[in-house]
Amino acid sequence: MIPGGWMAWTFPVALFFYCIACLLILFTLLAIRYPETPRRGVLRIETTRGDRLFISLLGSAFLCVGWLFAFGPPLWGALICCLIYAAAVFRWV
């Protein structure tokens, strides 16, 4: 067995992890440069930018799994749904 051969390291997979890493770096720099006080949204819990990023990433994962269950492999529609969901989370949560 080839070490690391358990996962298909294709360009889309690498791009996904690269984007997540860039988001984490960006949000860290934003937190250092522009400190933020937690705010209350529609969930009535205090959240910061990082909390809202986590909520949007977790929800997007569930949206993609649901999309795969309902419609199958092309995930372009799921990507659009995830972007709308993330925008709503950052606006109202």
C-alpha atoms as a PDB file:
ATOM      1  CA  MET A   1       0.000   0.000   0.000  1.00  0.00           C
ATOM      2  CA  ILE A   2       1.279   3.439  -0.926  1.00  0.00           C
ATOM      3  CA  PRO A   3       1.549   5.861   2.019  1.00  0.00           C
ATOM      4  CA  GLY A   4      -1.173   8.459   1.656  1.00  0.00           C
ATOM      5  CA  GLY A   5      -2.883   6.378  -1.033  1.00  0.00           C
ATOM      6  CA  TRP A   6      -6.134   6.258   0.933  1.00  0.00           C
ATOM      7  CA  MET A   7      -7.303   9.569  -0.520  1.00  0.00           C
ATOM      8  CA  ALA A   8      -7.569  10.719  -4.092  1.00  0.00           C
ATOM      9  CA  TRP A   9      -5.392  13.836  -4.158  1.00  0.00           C
ATOM     10  CA  THR A  10      -6.807  15.437  -7.249  1.00  0.00           C
ATOM     11  CA  PHE A  11      -6.693  19.101  -8.182  1.00  0.00           C
ATOM     12  CA  PRO A  12     -10.204  19.846  -6.806  1.00  0.00           C
ATOM     13  CA  VAL A  13      -9.328  18.225  -3.464  1.00  0.00           C
ATOM     14  CA  ALA A  14      -6.074  20.182  -3.232  1.00  0.00           C
ATOM     15  CA  LEU A  15      -7.865  23.397  -4.208  1.00  0.00           C
ATOM     16  CA  PHE A  16     -10.483  22.795  -1.500  1.00  0.00           C
ATOM     17  CA  PHE A  17      -7.877  22.420   1.242  1.00  0.00           C
ATOM     18  CA  TYR A  18      -5.907  25.387  -0.124  1.00  0.00           C
ATOM     19  CA  CYS A  19      -9.029  27.576   0.052  1.00  0.00           C
ATOM     20  CA  ILE A  20      -9.774  26.478   3.627  1.00  0.00           C
ATOM     21  CA  ALA A  21      -6.171  27.246   4.652  1.00  0.00           C
ATOM     22  CA  CYS A  22      -6.351  30.666   2.978  1.00  0.00           C
ATOM     23  CA  LEU A  23      -9.632  31.440   4.754  1.00  0.00           C
ATOM     24  CA  LEU A  24      -8.124  30.529   8.123  1.00  0.00           C
ATOM     25  CA  ILE A  25      -5.078  32.722   7.476  1.00  0.00           C
ATOM     26  CA  LEU A  26      -7.269  35.597   6.268  1.00  0.00           C
ATOM     27  CA  PHE A  27      -9.551  35.408   9.290  1.00  0.00           C
ATOM     28  CA  THR A  28      -6.568  35.266  11.634  1.00  0.00           C
ATOM     29  CA  LEU A  29      -5.103  38.395  10.049  1.00  0.00           C
ATOM     30  CA  LEU A  30      -8.487  40.135  10.201  1.00  0.00           C
ATOM     31  CA  ALA A  31      -8.817  39.267  13.892  1.00  0.00           C
ATOM     32  CA  ILE A  32      -5.371  40.715  14.589  1.00  0.00           C
ATOM     33  CA  ARG A  33      -5.857  43.853  12.492  1.00  0.00           C
ATOM     34  CA  TYR A  34      -9.540  44.519  13.261  1.00  0.00           C
ATOM     35  CA  PRO A  35     -10.493  43.004  16.630  1.00  0.00           C
ATOM     36  CA  GLU A  36     -14.166  42.295  16.895  1.00  0.00           C
ATOM     37  CA  THR A  37     -16.601  42.106  19.761  1.00  0.00           C
ATOM     38  CA  PRO A  38     -19.028  39.193  19.609  1.00  0.00           C
ATOM     39  CA  ARG A  39     -22.519  39.977  18.349  1.00  0.00           C
ATOM     40  CA  ARG A  40     -25.913  38.332  18.754  1.00  0.00           C
ATOM     41  CA  GLY A  41     -27.825  37.275  15.686  1.00  0.00           C
ATOM     42  CA  VAL A  42     -30.965  35.303  14.970  1.00  0.00           C
ATOM     43  CA  LEU A  43     -29.645  32.283  16.879  1.00  0.00           C
ATOM     44  CA  ARG A  44     -29.349  34.438  20.025  1.00  0.00           C
ATOM     45  CA  ILE A  45     -25.795  33.307  20.696  1.00  0.00           C
ATOM     46  CA  GLU A  46     -22.724  35.499  20.632  1.00  0.00           C
ATOM     47  CA  THR A  47     -20.623  34.832  17.540  1.00  0.00           C
ATOM     48  CA  THR A  48     -17.438  36.241  16.073  1.00  0.00           C
ATOM     49  CA  ARG A  49     -16.204  36.079  12.468  1.00  0.00           C
ATOM     50  CA  GLY A  50     -14.479  32.776  13.175  1.00  0.00           C
ATOM     51  CA  ASP A  51     -17.635  31.284  14.687  1.00  0.00           C
ATOM     52  CA  ARG A  52     -19.652  32.311  11.651  1.00  0.00           C
ATOM     53  CA  LEU A  53     -16.994  30.839   9.348  1.00  0.00           C
ATOM     54  CA  PHE A  54     -17.184  27.533  11.223  1.00  0.00           C
ATOM     55  CA  ILE A  55     -20.994  27.513  11.123  1.00  0.00           C
ATOM     56  CA  SER A  56     -20.993  28.257   7.388  1.00  0.00           C
ATOM     57  CA  LEU A  57     -18.378  25.553   6.617  1.00  0.00           C
ATOM     58  CA  LEU A  58     -20.206  22.955   8.690  1.00  0.00           C
ATOM     59  CA  GLY A  59     -23.563  23.816   7.151  1.00  0.00           C
ATOM     60  CA  SER A  60     -22.045  23.785   3.676  1.00  0.00           C
ATOM     61  CA  ALA A  61     -20.740  20.268   4.246  1.00  0.00           C
ATOM     62  CA  PHE A  62     -24.251  19.115   5.150  1.00  0.00           C
ATOM     63  CA  LEU A  63     -25.695  20.920   2.129  1.00  0.00           C
ATOM     64  CA  CYS A  64     -23.229  19.157  -0.179  1.00  0.00           C
ATOM     65  CA  VAL A  65     -23.966  15.735   1.316  1.00  0.00           C
ATOM     66  CA  GLY A  66     -27.693  16.387   0.976  1.00  0.00           C
ATOM     67  CA  TRP A  67     -27.197  17.524  -2.609  1.00  0.00           C
ATOM     68  CA  LEU A  68     -25.279  14.351  -3.429  1.00  0.00           C
ATOM     69  CA  PHE A  69     -28.059  12.262  -1.884  1.00  0.00           C
ATOM     70  CA  ALA A  70     -30.827  14.088  -3.750  1.00  0.00           C
ATOM     71  CA  PHE A  71     -29.296  14.985  -7.123  1.00  0.00           C
ATOM     72  CA  GLY A  72     -25.975  13.215  -7.615  1.00  0.00           C
ATOM     73  CA  PRO A  73     -22.416  14.181  -8.500  1.00  0.00           C
ATOM     74  CA  PRO A  74     -22.361  17.562 -10.269  1.00  0.00           C
ATOM     75  CA  LEU A  75     -22.054  19.894  -7.267  1.00  0.00           C
ATOM     76  CA  TRP A  76     -22.344  23.252  -9.029  1.00  0.00           C
ATOM     77  CA  GLY A  77     -25.862  23.751  -7.692  1.00  0.00           C
ATOM     78  CA  ALA A  78     -24.677  22.823  -4.210  1.00  0.00           C
ATOM     79  CA  LEU A  79     -21.858  25.361  -4.489  1.00  0.00           C
ATOM     80  CA  ILE A  80     -24.364  28.099  -5.291  1.00  0.00           C
ATOM     81  CA  CYS A  81     -26.535  27.013  -2.349  1.00  0.00           C
ATOM     82  CA  CYS A  82     -23.472  27.010  -0.071  1.00  0.00           C
ATOM     83  CA  LEU A  83     -22.454  30.520  -1.117  1.00  0.00           C
ATOM     84  CA  ILE A  84     -25.972  31.828  -0.445  1.00  0.00           C
ATOM     85  CA  TYR A  85     -26.016  30.011   2.907  1.00  0.00           C
ATOM     86  CA  ALA A  86     -22.611  31.428   3.903  1.00  0.00           C
ATOM     87  CA  ALA A  87     -23.705  34.951   2.975  1.00  0.00           C
ATOM     88  CA  ALA A  88     -26.849  34.532   5.099  1.00  0.00           C
ATOM     89  CA  VAL A  89     -24.822  33.185   8.051  1.00  0.00           C
ATOM     90  CA  PHE A  90     -22.390  36.101   7.932  1.00  0.00           C
ATOM     91  CA  ARG A  91     -25.239  38.583   7.627  1.00  0.00           C
ATOM     92  CA  TRP A  92     -27.742  37.314  10.198  1.00  0.00           C
ATOM     93  CA  VAL A  93     -26.093  34.866  12.619  1.00  0.00           C
END
